[in-house]
Amino acid sequence: GQNPLFPRILGHEAGGVVESVGKGVIDVQPGDHVLPIFTGECKECPHCLSEASNMCDLLRINTERGGMLHDGHTRFSKDGKPIYHFLGTSTFSKYTVVHVGQVAKINPEAPLDKVCVLSCEMSTGFGATVNVAKPKKGGFVAVFGLGAVGLAAAEGARVCEASRIIGIDLNPNRSEEAKKFGCTEFVNPKDHNKPIQE
C-alpha cells in the first residue's frame, strides 16, 4: 500500500470453515466451507448490482485498511498491541476475521487445500480473460507471465476458443505447463534479440 501499516497478518488466498458468525449474519453459518475474497461484495451498492463491475463501494480493495469496517478496530493482537488486517482477509493465520461480504460459500466436499487458488489466482486470470479481454473465437491472445494467474488467463482464452494463445515467460520450465492450460505457443524473450512484440 501507499502507507505501509505494520505489524499485520498478510495473505489473501485460503479455504476455510466458518467457526462463528456475528450478529445479523445470515449468508453463512458455523460449519460452512468458504473462500475468503479480497474483492468483496456488499450486494447492495451500484457496483454490486451491475453486471459490469465488481468494485464494491464498501468492500473494494484497500491495502491501507487495517481494521474491520464496522468500527475500524483490528481483531488481532499480541501482548495487548494491535496486529493489523490485510485486504480484509489476513489468510496467513490459523484463524481470521472477515466481513461476511468477503467470503464465498463453497461445496463442503471441495478440498480446501486445492480450491484456495480459486479465491485469487484462478478467478483473477480466468476472469480477466473471459470477462474483460473477451477474446473472439478464432482470435489471437498473448499472455505475459505464466505463473498461476497467467496460466488461468490462458485457460480463459482456451475456453473462449482463441485459435492462437501465445504464452510468454522468462522461465523455460513453464513451457510444458503452459500447454496444459491452452497455450499453443511458448516464447521466452531471452531467446530473442528483438523486442518480444516484434
Protein backbone atom coordinates (compact mmCIF):
# COMPACT_ATOMS: atom_id res chain seq x y z
CA GLY A 1 0.00 0.00 0.00
CA GLN A 2 0.91 3.64 -0.25
CA ASN A 3 1.13 3.95 3.53
CA PRO A 4 2.59 0.70 4.88
CA LEU A 5 0.87 -0.45 8.05
CA PHE A 6 2.69 -2.93 10.28
CA PRO A 7 2.62 -5.29 12.04
CA ARG A 8 -0.09 -7.04 10.06
CA ILE A 9 -1.16 -10.52 9.06
CA LEU A 10 -0.73 -10.82 5.30
CA GLY A 11 -2.31 -13.32 2.90
CA HIS A 12 -5.33 -13.20 0.61
CA GLU A 13 -5.86 -16.78 -0.62
CA ALA A 14 -7.25 -19.56 1.50
CA GLY A 15 -10.04 -22.01 2.08
CA GLY A 16 -11.63 -22.43 5.46
CA VAL A 17 -14.54 -23.42 7.66
CA VAL A 18 -16.71 -20.84 9.41
CA GLU A 19 -16.26 -21.14 13.16
CA SER A 20 -18.71 -18.45 14.26
CA VAL A 21 -20.68 -15.52 12.84
CA GLY A 22 -21.52 -12.05 14.09
CA LYS A 23 -24.92 -10.65 14.93
CA GLY A 24 -27.23 -10.40 11.93
CA VAL A 25 -25.13 -12.60 9.61
CA ILE A 26 -27.41 -14.94 7.67
CA ASP A 27 -25.41 -15.69 4.49
CA VAL A 28 -23.13 -18.22 6.20
CA GLN A 29 -23.28 -20.25 9.38
CA PRO A 30 -20.82 -22.22 11.50
CA GLY A 31 -19.58 -25.28 9.65
CA ASP A 32 -19.90 -23.76 6.16
CA HIS A 33 -16.88 -24.11 3.90
CA VAL A 34 -15.82 -20.78 2.40
CA LEU A 35 -13.21 -18.98 0.34
CA PRO A 36 -12.10 -15.55 1.57
CA ILE A 37 -12.40 -12.97 -1.21
CA PHE A 38 -10.34 -9.79 -1.03
CA THR A 39 -12.63 -8.01 -3.52
CA GLY A 40 -15.79 -8.48 -1.54
CA GLU A 41 -19.39 -7.67 -2.39
CA CYS A 42 -21.90 -5.87 -0.19
CA LYS A 43 -24.62 -6.91 -2.68
CA GLU A 44 -26.31 -3.50 -2.37
CA CYS A 45 -24.15 -0.77 -3.95
CA PRO A 46 -24.44 0.20 -7.66
CA HIS A 47 -21.27 -1.76 -8.49
CA CYS A 48 -22.54 -4.95 -6.86
CA LEU A 49 -25.87 -4.60 -8.63
CA SER A 50 -24.16 -4.11 -12.01
CA GLU A 51 -23.01 -6.96 -14.24
CA ALA A 52 -20.17 -4.76 -15.49
CA SER A 53 -18.22 -4.21 -12.25
CA ASN A 54 -17.04 -5.93 -9.11
CA MET A 55 -15.52 -2.88 -7.43
CA CYS A 56 -17.87 -2.75 -4.45
CA ASP A 57 -18.18 0.70 -2.90
CA LEU A 58 -17.90 -0.78 0.59
CA LEU A 59 -15.51 -3.72 0.20
CA ARG A 60 -13.25 -2.74 -2.70
CA ILE A 61 -9.55 -3.48 -2.41
CA ASN A 62 -7.95 -1.24 0.20
CA THR A 63 -4.38 -2.10 1.14
CA GLU A 64 -4.32 0.66 3.76
CA ARG A 65 -7.29 -0.54 5.83
CA GLY A 66 -6.02 -2.35 8.90
CA GLY A 67 -9.19 -2.92 10.87
CA MET A 68 -12.77 -4.08 10.46
CA LEU A 69 -15.23 -1.88 8.57
CA HIS A 70 -17.74 -1.87 11.42
CA ASP A 71 -15.55 0.01 13.88
CA GLY A 72 -12.09 0.40 12.32
CA HIS A 73 -10.51 -1.74 15.02
CA THR A 74 -8.36 -4.80 14.46
CA ARG A 75 -9.43 -8.21 15.74
CA PHE A 76 -5.81 -9.39 16.11
CA SER A 77 -3.37 -8.53 18.87
CA LYS A 78 -0.31 -9.76 20.68
CA ASP A 79 0.65 -8.73 24.20
CA GLY A 80 -2.10 -6.13 24.11
CA LYS A 81 -0.75 -4.46 20.95
CA PRO A 82 -2.72 -4.44 17.68
CA ILE A 83 -1.78 -6.56 14.69
CA TYR A 84 -3.49 -5.18 11.60
CA HIS A 85 -5.62 -6.85 8.94
CA PHE A 86 -4.62 -7.10 5.25
CA LEU A 87 -7.07 -6.83 2.31
CA GLY A 88 -9.87 -7.73 4.68
CA THR A 89 -8.78 -11.37 4.75
CA SER A 90 -5.41 -11.90 6.53
CA THR A 91 -5.19 -15.54 5.50
CA PHE A 92 -1.66 -16.28 6.74
CA SER A 93 -3.20 -17.31 10.04
CA LYS A 94 -4.93 -20.31 11.51
CA TYR A 95 -7.98 -18.17 12.30
CA THR A 96 -9.09 -14.88 10.76
CA VAL A 97 -12.00 -12.48 10.99
CA VAL A 98 -13.63 -11.17 7.81
CA HIS A 99 -16.67 -9.18 6.72
CA VAL A 100 -19.42 -11.56 5.54
CA GLY A 101 -19.22 -9.93 2.09
CA GLN A 102 -15.67 -11.20 1.81
CA VAL A 103 -16.41 -14.91 1.88
CA ALA A 104 -17.96 -17.15 -0.75
CA LYS A 105 -19.70 -20.31 0.42
CA ILE A 106 -18.44 -23.42 -1.40
CA ASN A 107 -19.29 -27.09 -1.63
CA PRO A 108 -18.09 -28.80 1.59
CA GLU A 109 -16.70 -31.68 -0.48
CA ALA A 110 -14.23 -29.39 -2.28
CA PRO A 111 -10.72 -29.97 -0.90
CA LEU A 112 -9.74 -26.75 0.88
CA ASP A 113 -6.04 -27.18 0.08
CA LYS A 114 -6.81 -27.13 -3.65
CA VAL A 115 -9.75 -24.76 -4.07
CA CYS A 116 -7.92 -22.00 -2.20
CA VAL A 117 -6.43 -20.86 -5.55
CA LEU A 118 -9.95 -20.00 -6.71
CA SER A 119 -10.05 -17.07 -4.30
CA CYS A 120 -7.47 -15.19 -6.39
CA GLU A 121 -5.21 -16.94 -8.89
CA MET A 122 -7.84 -18.73 -10.93
CA SER A 123 -10.60 -16.13 -10.69
CA THR A 124 -8.23 -13.25 -11.43
CA GLY A 125 -6.59 -14.70 -14.55
CA PHE A 126 -9.61 -16.52 -15.93
CA GLY A 127 -11.93 -13.62 -15.14
CA ALA A 128 -9.62 -11.06 -16.75
CA THR A 129 -9.70 -13.02 -19.99
CA VAL A 130 -13.34 -14.10 -20.10
CA ASN A 131 -14.95 -11.01 -18.57
CA VAL A 132 -12.63 -8.16 -19.58
CA ALA A 133 -10.49 -9.07 -22.62
CA LYS A 134 -13.27 -11.23 -24.12
CA PRO A 135 -11.23 -12.70 -26.99
CA LYS A 136 -13.25 -13.62 -30.06
CA LYS A 137 -13.50 -17.21 -31.24
CA GLY A 138 -10.51 -17.82 -33.52
CA GLY A 139 -8.67 -14.76 -32.20
CA PHE A 140 -5.08 -14.39 -31.02
CA VAL A 141 -4.12 -13.91 -27.37
CA ALA A 142 -0.76 -13.19 -25.74
CA VAL A 143 -0.31 -13.91 -22.03
CA PHE A 144 2.72 -12.26 -20.41
CA GLY A 145 3.86 -14.23 -17.39
CA LEU A 146 2.82 -17.83 -16.81
CA GLY A 147 2.52 -18.04 -13.07
CA ALA A 148 -0.80 -19.14 -11.61
CA VAL A 149 -2.67 -16.01 -12.77
CA GLY A 150 -1.17 -16.19 -16.27
CA LEU A 151 -2.00 -19.87 -16.65
CA ALA A 152 -5.58 -19.14 -15.62
CA ALA A 153 -5.69 -16.34 -18.22
CA ALA A 154 -4.51 -18.82 -20.87
CA GLU A 155 -7.22 -21.25 -19.77
CA GLY A 156 -9.76 -18.45 -20.17
CA ALA A 157 -8.53 -17.84 -23.72
CA ARG A 158 -8.86 -21.56 -24.45
CA VAL A 159 -12.43 -21.57 -23.16
CA CYS A 160 -13.18 -18.55 -25.39
CA GLU A 161 -11.84 -20.66 -28.29
CA ALA A 162 -8.94 -18.40 -29.24
CA SER A 163 -7.03 -20.13 -32.03
CA ARG A 164 -3.59 -18.88 -31.08
CA ILE A 165 -2.60 -18.47 -27.43
CA ILE A 166 0.98 -17.30 -27.04
CA GLY A 167 2.44 -17.83 -23.58
CA ILE A 168 5.38 -15.54 -22.79
CA ASP A 169 7.66 -16.15 -19.83
CA LEU A 170 11.33 -15.85 -18.89
CA ASN A 171 11.30 -19.29 -17.26
CA PRO A 172 11.72 -22.04 -19.89
CA ASN A 173 10.41 -24.64 -17.43
CA ARG A 174 6.90 -23.18 -17.77
CA SER A 175 6.57 -24.20 -21.41
CA GLU A 176 5.08 -27.66 -20.82
CA GLU A 177 2.72 -26.49 -18.09
CA ALA A 178 1.51 -23.69 -20.38
CA LYS A 179 0.37 -26.24 -22.97
CA LYS A 180 -1.84 -27.93 -20.37
CA PHE A 181 -3.65 -24.62 -19.89
CA GLY A 182 -4.23 -23.93 -23.57
CA CYS A 183 -1.10 -22.18 -24.81
CA THR A 184 -0.46 -23.09 -28.43
CA GLU A 185 2.98 -21.46 -28.42
CA PHE A 186 5.63 -20.54 -25.87
CA VAL A 187 8.04 -17.64 -26.23
CA ASN A 188 10.95 -16.82 -23.93
CA PRO A 189 12.11 -13.22 -24.53
CA LYS A 190 15.67 -14.25 -23.55
CA ASP A 191 15.81 -16.35 -26.73
CA HIS A 192 15.40 -13.30 -28.99
CA ASN A 193 17.36 -10.16 -29.78
CA LYS A 194 14.34 -8.08 -30.85
CA PRO A 195 11.60 -6.78 -28.54
CA ILE A 196 9.11 -9.58 -27.95
CA GLN A 197 6.22 -7.75 -29.67
CA GLU A 198 8.20 -7.97 -32.92
